[in-house]
């Protein structure tokens, strides 16, 4: 297996390089190696390597771990409140490839077909646990975006540089080309390729951002996740999306929440379903089962009634998920799973066997009494029918028959 390359060697910077030096080195390499710019067969692989090096060395925490342990995550990884979503070419949401498409496309997007200067909104996915969704949490999210250029302060101009009217389009932002065809001369109008539709150019543009006033940068932002949040809901962080061109407004960062599945609970709306194991003997007489709730340190008592059946659902009110923005909570629904004990002593088994025999005898006596009653009722009915038949057979003759 080929050993992993040294991140400082990848970016060709000294180990004591400051953040600006690292960023400049990264941008210089990225301009040469981005797959949309370079024709080299290994451009994409090398660009990923450069991006990986930058994602580590531009993050103070990762860089410290890498310098000390040789691993950006350190010996025990990061805390649960730190999330890195700056995956290459997507993964976390607004991909790194999208960021470079905007950067290499200049002020007007790739190909210069748009005059947009305001920064676009960016979307990322943030996965949290069900416990974090229940209690609410604060996450420090690390991601990569087009941020205002630190070297020029977002103006796009180097020291001493100034704005002037574009000589190609004379300030209109559009150029007209005339072509001769078999049908005569035809005019086509398009966005000026020099000023990208702005009508103005900078005579001495900033080398870092190439006059855009923005450049790819590693950013950190704190995201406050409210208690009771559901998967698919979004949180908007104003002004933390893509930076605008030359100081124009930034877009927003839209964080889409994804709540991970939980081993103990299944969420349905604001209700939580779980299973409780109950001894079959306890199910007969009833019992109480205490389980851990969804909140930290919470203990929930489930009252199992006598004669409880397998699969029976027991509702514990207000012990489910919080309703977002409210004090109220959903319910906890415990689904009973009955188990037959396997550790009974010989005496206990004999006692249970005697109880079963007694119940069987009671059932036999009851069945015999019911059968005797049914037979008595049947005999009485037979006698009544027989008596009725005899009465009809010996009925007196008509006393008025033959009388004149």
Protein backbone atom coordinates (compact mmCIF):
# COMPACT_ATOMS: atom_id res chain seq x y z
CA UNK A 1 0.00 0.00 0.00
CA UNK A 2 1.41 3.40 -1.04
CA UNK A 3 2.11 5.64 1.97
CA UNK A 4 -0.01 8.76 2.28
CA UNK A 5 1.70 11.90 1.05
CA UNK A 6 2.63 14.67 3.44
CA UNK A 7 0.02 17.44 3.27
CA UNK A 8 2.68 20.16 3.50
CA UNK A 9 4.54 18.60 0.58
CA UNK A 10 1.33 18.38 -1.45
CA UNK A 11 0.76 22.13 -1.13
CA UNK A 12 4.52 22.87 -1.22
CA UNK A 13 4.44 25.02 1.91
CA UNK A 14 6.67 24.95 5.03
CA UNK A 15 5.32 23.36 8.20
CA UNK A 16 5.15 26.77 9.90
CA UNK A 17 3.20 28.41 7.04
CA UNK A 18 0.41 30.76 8.11
CA UNK A 19 -3.22 30.53 6.96
CA UNK A 20 -2.83 33.03 4.10
CA UNK A 21 0.21 31.24 2.71
CA UNK A 22 -1.65 27.92 2.80
CA UNK A 23 -4.69 29.40 1.06
CA UNK A 24 -2.61 31.03 -1.68
CA UNK A 25 -0.69 27.82 -2.30
CA UNK A 26 -3.94 25.89 -2.50
CA UNK A 27 -5.56 28.30 -4.95
CA UNK A 28 -2.45 28.30 -7.13
CA UNK A 29 -2.50 24.52 -7.36
CA UNK A 30 -6.26 24.32 -7.73
CA UNK A 31 -6.19 26.66 -10.74
CA UNK A 32 -3.83 24.27 -12.51
CA UNK A 33 -5.37 20.96 -11.45
CA UNK A 34 -9.14 21.47 -11.46
CA UNK A 35 -10.64 18.90 -13.89
CA UNK A 36 -12.53 21.63 -15.77
CA UNK A 37 -9.29 23.49 -16.42
CA UNK A 38 -6.55 20.87 -16.74
CA UNK A 39 -6.27 18.29 -19.52
CA UNK A 40 -3.93 16.06 -17.53
CA UNK A 41 -5.29 12.48 -17.17
CA UNK A 42 -4.65 12.49 -13.41
CA UNK A 43 -5.95 16.02 -12.84
CA UNK A 44 -9.03 14.95 -10.88
CA UNK A 45 -7.05 12.65 -8.60
CA UNK A 46 -4.40 15.28 -7.93
CA UNK A 47 -7.05 17.94 -7.33
CA UNK A 48 -8.69 15.71 -4.71
CA UNK A 49 -5.29 15.28 -3.07
CA UNK A 50 -4.73 19.04 -2.99
CA UNK A 51 -8.23 19.65 -1.62
CA UNK A 52 -7.71 17.04 1.09
CA UNK A 53 -4.45 18.68 2.13
CA UNK A 54 -6.08 22.10 2.23
CA UNK A 55 -9.13 20.86 4.20
CA UNK A 56 -6.75 19.66 6.92
CA UNK A 57 -4.16 22.44 7.00
CA UNK A 58 -6.76 25.23 6.85
CA UNK A 59 -8.56 23.87 9.92
CA UNK A 60 -6.76 24.79 13.15
CA UNK A 61 -8.06 21.77 15.05
CA UNK A 62 -7.34 19.27 12.28
CA UNK A 63 -3.94 20.76 11.59
CA UNK A 64 -2.94 20.55 15.27
CA UNK A 65 -3.99 16.89 15.39
CA UNK A 66 -2.17 16.16 12.14
CA UNK A 67 1.05 17.81 13.35
CA UNK A 68 0.96 15.97 16.67
CA UNK A 69 -0.53 12.56 15.82
CA UNK A 70 -0.25 12.32 12.03
CA UNK A 71 -4.05 12.02 11.88
CA UNK A 72 -6.42 14.99 11.40
CA UNK A 73 -8.97 13.37 13.71
CA UNK A 74 -6.48 12.89 16.53
CA UNK A 75 -6.30 9.80 18.76
CA UNK A 76 -9.99 9.86 19.72
CA UNK A 77 -11.63 11.82 16.92
CA UNK A 78 -13.56 15.08 17.26
CA UNK A 79 -16.31 15.83 19.72
CA UNK A 80 -19.91 15.23 18.73
CA UNK A 81 -20.51 18.99 18.36
CA UNK A 82 -18.03 19.32 15.47
CA UNK A 83 -19.11 18.32 11.97
CA UNK A 84 -17.12 18.58 8.73
CA UNK A 85 -19.36 18.63 5.64
CA UNK A 86 -16.84 19.94 3.06
CA UNK A 87 -16.80 16.71 1.08
CA UNK A 88 -15.25 16.81 -2.39
CA UNK A 89 -17.71 17.18 -5.31
CA UNK A 90 -20.87 17.03 -3.21
CA UNK A 91 -21.43 14.70 -0.29
CA UNK A 92 -22.41 17.35 2.23
CA UNK A 93 -24.67 19.34 -0.11
CA UNK A 94 -23.23 22.24 -2.15
CA UNK A 95 -20.22 20.45 -3.62
CA UNK A 96 -16.64 21.64 -3.85
CA UNK A 97 -16.91 21.23 -7.61
CA UNK A 98 -19.81 23.72 -7.63
CA UNK A 99 -17.69 26.21 -5.71
CA UNK A 100 -14.89 26.02 -8.25
CA UNK A 101 -17.35 26.25 -11.13
CA UNK A 102 -18.36 29.64 -9.74
CA UNK A 103 -14.77 30.65 -9.04
CA UNK A 104 -13.37 29.72 -12.43
CA UNK A 105 -16.46 31.10 -14.15
CA UNK A 106 -15.49 34.57 -12.99
CA UNK A 107 -18.11 37.17 -12.17
CA UNK A 108 -20.86 35.76 -14.33
CA UNK A 109 -20.78 31.99 -13.90
CA UNK A 110 -19.20 29.49 -16.26
CA UNK A 111 -19.08 30.71 -19.83
CA UNK A 112 -19.94 34.31 -18.84
CA UNK A 113 -23.59 33.87 -19.72
CA UNK A 114 -25.01 35.43 -16.56
CA UNK A 115 -24.68 38.86 -14.96
CA UNK A 116 -25.39 37.59 -11.46
CA UNK A 117 -23.22 39.23 -8.83
CA UNK A 118 -25.11 38.30 -5.67
CA UNK A 119 -23.85 35.16 -3.96
CA UNK A 120 -25.93 32.00 -4.27
CA UNK A 121 -27.50 30.16 -1.37
CA UNK A 122 -25.64 27.04 -0.31
CA UNK A 123 -27.21 23.86 1.02
CA UNK A 124 -25.61 21.27 3.28
CA UNK A 125 -26.91 18.19 5.11
CA UNK A 126 -26.38 17.83 8.85
CA UNK A 127 -27.01 14.48 10.51
CA UNK A 128 -27.84 14.39 14.22
CA UNK A 129 -28.93 11.68 16.65
CA UNK A 130 -32.48 11.25 17.92
CA UNK A 131 -31.28 12.26 21.39
CA UNK A 132 -29.84 15.49 19.95
CA UNK A 133 -33.11 16.14 18.13
CA UNK A 134 -35.01 15.66 21.40
CA UNK A 135 -32.86 17.97 23.51
CA UNK A 136 -31.76 20.42 20.82
CA UNK A 137 -28.06 20.98 20.18
CA UNK A 138 -25.44 23.37 18.85
CA UNK A 139 -23.14 22.14 16.11
CA UNK A 140 -19.96 23.70 14.78
CA UNK A 141 -20.07 23.01 11.05
CA UNK A 142 -16.93 23.18 8.91
CA UNK A 143 -17.48 23.66 5.18
CA UNK A 144 -15.94 25.30 2.12
CA UNK A 145 -17.48 28.28 0.36
CA UNK A 146 -16.61 31.25 -1.81
CA UNK A 147 -15.93 33.79 0.94
CA UNK A 148 -14.92 37.47 0.68
CA UNK A 149 -11.25 37.60 -0.30
CA UNK A 150 -9.10 38.43 2.71
CA UNK A 151 -6.27 39.92 0.63
CA UNK A 152 -8.33 42.61 -1.09
CA UNK A 153 -11.13 42.93 1.47
CA UNK A 154 -13.69 41.78 -1.09
CA UNK A 155 -13.10 44.65 -3.53
CA UNK A 156 -11.27 42.56 -6.12
CA UNK A 157 -8.55 45.22 -6.51
CA UNK A 158 -4.91 44.88 -5.58
CA UNK A 159 -3.16 47.70 -3.73
CA UNK A 160 -3.42 50.83 -5.87
CA UNK A 161 -5.91 49.22 -8.23
CA UNK A 162 -9.08 50.99 -9.35
CA UNK A 163 -12.18 50.43 -11.43
CA UNK A 164 -12.35 51.66 -15.01
CA UNK A 165 -14.74 51.34 -17.93
CA UNK A 166 -14.32 48.19 -19.95
CA UNK A 167 -12.70 48.99 -23.27
CA UNK A 168 -14.23 46.00 -25.02
CA UNK A 169 -17.91 46.80 -24.41
CA UNK A 170 -17.49 50.51 -23.51
CA UNK A 171 -19.41 49.99 -20.24
CA UNK A 172 -22.48 48.29 -21.71
CA UNK A 173 -21.58 44.81 -20.53
CA UNK A 174 -22.64 43.43 -23.96
CA UNK A 175 -20.76 42.95 -27.21
CA UNK A 176 -22.20 42.79 -30.71
CA UNK A 177 -20.64 40.65 -33.38
CA UNK A 178 -21.45 40.82 -37.09
CA UNK A 179 -21.20 37.73 -39.23
CA UNK A 180 -21.54 37.38 -42.99
CA UNK A 181 -23.83 34.57 -44.15
CA UNK A 182 -25.42 33.56 -47.41
CA UNK A 183 -28.49 35.47 -46.25
CA UNK A 184 -26.50 38.63 -45.60
CA UNK A 185 -25.06 40.12 -42.44
CA UNK A 186 -26.31 38.83 -39.08
CA UNK A 187 -25.74 40.41 -35.69
CA UNK A 188 -25.40 38.48 -32.44
CA UNK A 189 -25.25 39.97 -28.98
CA UNK A 190 -23.58 38.30 -25.99
CA UNK A 191 -22.13 39.06 -22.55
CA UNK A 192 -18.78 40.80 -22.68
CA UNK A 193 -16.06 38.18 -22.07
CA UNK A 194 -13.72 40.77 -20.51
CA UNK A 195 -15.91 42.33 -17.80
CA UNK A 196 -18.44 39.47 -17.65
CA UNK A 197 -21.33 41.87 -18.14
CA UNK A 198 -20.29 44.31 -15.42
CA UNK A 199 -19.23 47.12 -17.75
CA UNK A 200 -16.21 47.81 -15.57
CA UNK A 201 -12.87 46.16 -14.97
CA UNK A 202 -10.11 46.56 -12.41
CA UNK A 203 -6.82 47.76 -13.81
CA UNK A 204 -4.83 45.89 -11.12
CA UNK A 205 -6.91 42.93 -9.94
CA UNK A 206 -6.12 41.00 -6.79
CA UNK A 207 -3.95 37.99 -7.62
CA UNK A 208 -5.60 35.78 -5.02
CA UNK A 209 -9.19 36.16 -6.23
CA UNK A 210 -8.46 37.31 -9.80
CA UNK A 211 -10.52 40.47 -9.28
CA UNK A 212 -13.70 38.71 -8.08
CA UNK A 213 -13.41 39.83 -4.50
CA UNK A 214 -14.08 36.27 -3.33
CA UNK A 215 -12.15 33.01 -3.15
CA UNK A 216 -12.64 29.43 -1.91
CA UNK A 217 -12.17 29.34 1.84
CA UNK A 218 -12.63 26.99 4.76
CA UNK A 219 -15.33 28.32 7.05
CA UNK A 220 -16.84 27.40 10.40
CA UNK A 221 -20.33 28.33 11.52
CA UNK A 222 -22.39 27.47 14.58
CA UNK A 223 -25.80 25.97 13.86
CA UNK A 224 -28.40 26.00 16.63
CA UNK A 225 -30.70 23.00 16.19
CA UNK A 226 -34.04 23.39 18.03
CA UNK A 227 -35.51 20.63 20.20
CA UNK A 228 -38.10 18.49 18.43
CA UNK A 229 -36.71 19.02 14.91
CA UNK A 230 -37.72 16.50 12.24
CA UNK A 231 -35.76 15.08 9.32
CA UNK A 232 -36.09 17.28 6.26
CA UNK A 233 -36.59 20.51 8.17
CA UNK A 234 -34.11 23.29 7.38
CA UNK A 235 -32.25 25.94 9.33
CA UNK A 236 -31.11 29.09 7.52
CA UNK A 237 -27.91 30.89 8.53
CA UNK A 238 -28.04 34.35 6.98
CA UNK A 239 -25.07 35.56 4.96
CA UNK A 240 -23.05 32.37 5.22
CA UNK A 241 -23.61 31.12 1.69
CA UNK A 242 -21.63 32.05 -1.40
CA UNK A 243 -20.09 35.54 -1.27
CA UNK A 244 -21.17 38.06 -3.88
CA UNK A 245 -18.86 39.51 -6.51
CA UNK A 246 -16.81 42.52 -5.38
CA UNK A 247 -18.72 43.10 -2.18
CA UNK A 248 -22.22 42.25 -3.39
CA UNK A 249 -24.56 40.49 -0.96
CA UNK A 250 -23.77 36.98 0.24
CA UNK A 251 -26.22 34.13 -0.11
CA UNK A 252 -27.50 32.11 2.84
CA UNK A 253 -26.44 28.75 4.19
CA UNK A 254 -29.42 26.36 4.28
CA UNK A 255 -28.84 23.43 6.63
CA UNK A 256 -31.07 20.40 6.00
CA UNK A 257 -31.48 18.25 9.11
CA UNK A 258 -31.30 14.47 8.94
CA UNK A 259 -32.20 12.61 12.15
CA UNK A 260 -30.48 9.22 12.29
CA UNK A 261 -32.34 6.03 13.17
CA UNK A 262 -32.24 5.02 16.81
CA UNK A 263 -31.66 1.53 18.18
CA UNK A 264 -34.13 1.85 21.06
CA UNK A 265 -36.87 4.10 19.72
CA UNK A 266 -38.85 4.42 16.52
CA UNK A 267 -40.24 7.88 15.89
CA UNK A 268 -43.69 8.44 14.44
CA UNK A 269 -44.46 12.13 14.43
CA UNK A 270 -43.77 13.25 17.98
CA UNK A 271 -44.54 9.83 19.47
CA UNK A 272 -41.85 7.29 20.30
CA UNK A 273 -42.33 3.53 20.08
CA UNK A 274 -40.19 1.06 21.97
CA UNK A 275 -40.38 -2.54 23.19
CA UNK A 276 -40.37 -3.76 26.79
CA UNK A 277 -39.57 -7.34 27.76
CA UNK A 278 -41.90 -8.81 30.40
CA UNK A 279 -41.72 -12.19 32.14
CA UNK A 280 -44.83 -14.24 31.31
CA UNK A 281 -45.55 -14.74 35.02
CA UNK A 282 -45.29 -10.99 35.59
CA UNK A 283 -47.64 -10.42 32.65
CA UNK A 284 -50.20 -12.60 34.44
CA UNK A 285 -50.19 -10.64 37.70
CA UNK A 286 -49.05 -7.23 36.33
CA UNK A 287 -45.78 -5.39 36.94
CA UNK A 288 -43.88 -2.13 36.48
CA UNK A 289 -40.94 -1.77 34.07
CA UNK A 290 -38.57 1.19 34.26
CA UNK A 291 -36.64 2.16 31.12
CA UNK A 292 -34.35 5.00 30.01
CA UNK A 293 -36.23 7.80 28.29
CA UNK A 294 -35.09 9.83 25.29
CA UNK A 295 -33.89 12.73 27.45
CA UNK A 296 -30.55 12.52 29.24
CA UNK A 297 -30.98 10.98 32.69
CA UNK A 298 -34.72 10.48 32.19
CA UNK A 299 -36.33 7.34 33.66
CA UNK A 300 -39.78 6.26 32.48
CA UNK A 301 -42.03 3.79 34.35
CA UNK A 302 -44.27 1.57 32.22
CA UNK A 303 -47.22 0.09 34.15
CA UNK A 304 -47.98 -3.37 32.75
CA UNK A 305 -51.56 -4.42 33.70
CA UNK A 306 -52.46 -7.93 34.94
CA UNK A 307 -53.32 -10.27 32.08
CA UNK A 308 -51.23 -8.27 29.59
CA UNK A 309 -51.00 -9.90 26.16
CA UNK A 310 -48.07 -10.15 23.72
CA UNK A 311 -47.91 -7.08 21.48
CA UNK A 312 -50.17 -4.99 23.71
CA UNK A 313 -49.37 -1.27 23.53
CA UNK A 314 -49.09 0.74 26.73
CA UNK A 315 -49.17 4.53 26.41
CA UNK A 316 -47.07 6.69 28.72
CA UNK A 317 -48.23 10.24 28.17
CA UNK A 318 -45.83 13.16 27.60
CA UNK A 319 -42.68 11.05 27.47
CA UNK A 320 -42.12 11.16 23.72
CA UNK A 321 -40.39 13.80 21.57
CA UNK A 322 -40.80 17.51 22.36
CA UNK A 323 -43.07 19.39 19.99
CA UNK A 324 -40.87 21.96 18.29
CA UNK A 325 -41.34 25.40 19.78
CA UNK A 326 -43.62 24.10 22.54
CA UNK A 327 -43.35 22.75 26.07
CA UNK A 328 -45.64 19.81 25.26
CA UNK A 329 -44.27 16.40 24.30
CA UNK A 330 -45.60 13.43 22.38
CA UNK A 331 -46.30 10.05 24.00
CA UNK A 332 -44.14 7.02 24.60
CA UNK A 333 -45.79 3.82 23.38
CA UNK A 334 -44.31 0.67 24.89
CA UNK A 335 -45.01 -2.53 22.95
CA UNK A 336 -44.97 -5.55 25.28
CA UNK A 337 -42.87 -8.58 24.38
CA UNK A 338 -43.61 -11.52 26.69
CA UNK A 339 -40.87 -14.03 27.43
CA UNK A 340 -41.15 -17.42 29.12
CA UNK A 341 -38.73 -17.71 32.06
CA UNK A 342 -36.03 -20.36 31.65
CA UNK A 343 -34.52 -20.21 35.12
CA UNK A 344 -37.38 -21.65 37.24
CA UNK A 345 -36.48 -24.07 40.01
CA UNK A 346 -37.87 -27.61 40.19
CA UNK A 347 -40.20 -26.61 43.04
CA UNK A 348 -41.48 -23.61 41.07
CA UNK A 349 -42.13 -25.84 38.06
CA UNK A 350 -44.03 -28.32 40.27
CA UNK A 351 -46.11 -25.51 41.78
CA UNK A 352 -46.97 -24.22 38.30
CA UNK A 353 -47.77 -27.76 37.14
CA UNK A 354 -50.11 -28.20 40.13
CA UNK A 355 -51.82 -24.91 39.28
CA UNK A 356 -52.25 -26.00 35.66
CA UNK A 357 -53.70 -29.36 36.82
CA UNK A 358 -56.09 -27.59 39.18
CA UNK A 359 -57.27 -25.28 36.41
CA UNK A 360 -57.77 -28.30 34.14
CA UNK A 361 -59.82 -30.07 36.85
CA UNK A 362 -61.96 -26.98 37.35
CA UNK A 363 -62.54 -26.85 33.64
CA UNK A 364 -63.52 -30.57 33.59
CA UNK A 365 -65.98 -30.10 36.50
CA UNK A 366 -67.49 -27.07 34.89
CA UNK A 367 -67.76 -28.89 31.58
CA UNK A 368 -69.40 -31.92 33.30
CA UNK A 369 -71.96 -29.76 35.07
CA UNK A 370 -72.79 -27.97 31.87
CA UNK A 371 -73.12 -31.30 30.04
CA UNK A 372 -75.44 -32.73 32.78
CA UNK A 373 -77.55 -29.62 32.67
CA UNK A 374 -77.82 -29.86 28.92
CA UNK A 375 -78.74 -33.58 29.15
CA UNK A 376 -81.43 -32.85 31.85
CA UNK A 377 -82.94 -30.12 29.74
CA UNK A 378 -82.96 -32.48 26.76
CA UNK A 379 -84.73 -35.25 28.75
CA UNK A 380 -87.36 -32.82 30.05
CA UNK A 381 -88.04 -31.68 26.55
CA UNK A 382 -88.42 -35.29 25.35
CA UNK A 383 -90.94 -36.03 28.14
CA UNK A 384 -93.00 -32.96 27.33
CA UNK A 385 -93.13 -33.97 23.69
CA UNK A 386 -94.14 -37.52 24.59
CA UNK A 387 -96.92 -36.29 26.91
CA UNK A 388 -98.25 -33.99 24.24
CA UNK A 389 -98.35 -36.83 21.72
CA UNK A 390 -100.31 -39.09 24.14
CA UNK A 391 -102.86 -36.39 24.88
CA UNK A 392 -103.56 -36.00 21.22
CA UNK A 393 -103.95 -39.81 20.79
CA UNK A 394 -106.55 -40.20 23.62
CA UNK A 395 -108.52 -37.06 22.96
CA UNK A 396 -112.33 -37.42 23.59
CA UNK A 397 -114.69 -37.79 20.65
CA UNK A 398 -116.92 -34.92 19.54
CA UNK A 399 -119.94 -34.99 21.94
CA UNK A 400 -122.18 -33.35 19.39
CA UNK A 401 -121.54 -35.84 16.61
CA UNK A 402 -124.81 -37.77 15.63
CA UNK A 403 -127.10 -35.67 17.83
CA UNK A 404 -130.35 -34.68 16.17
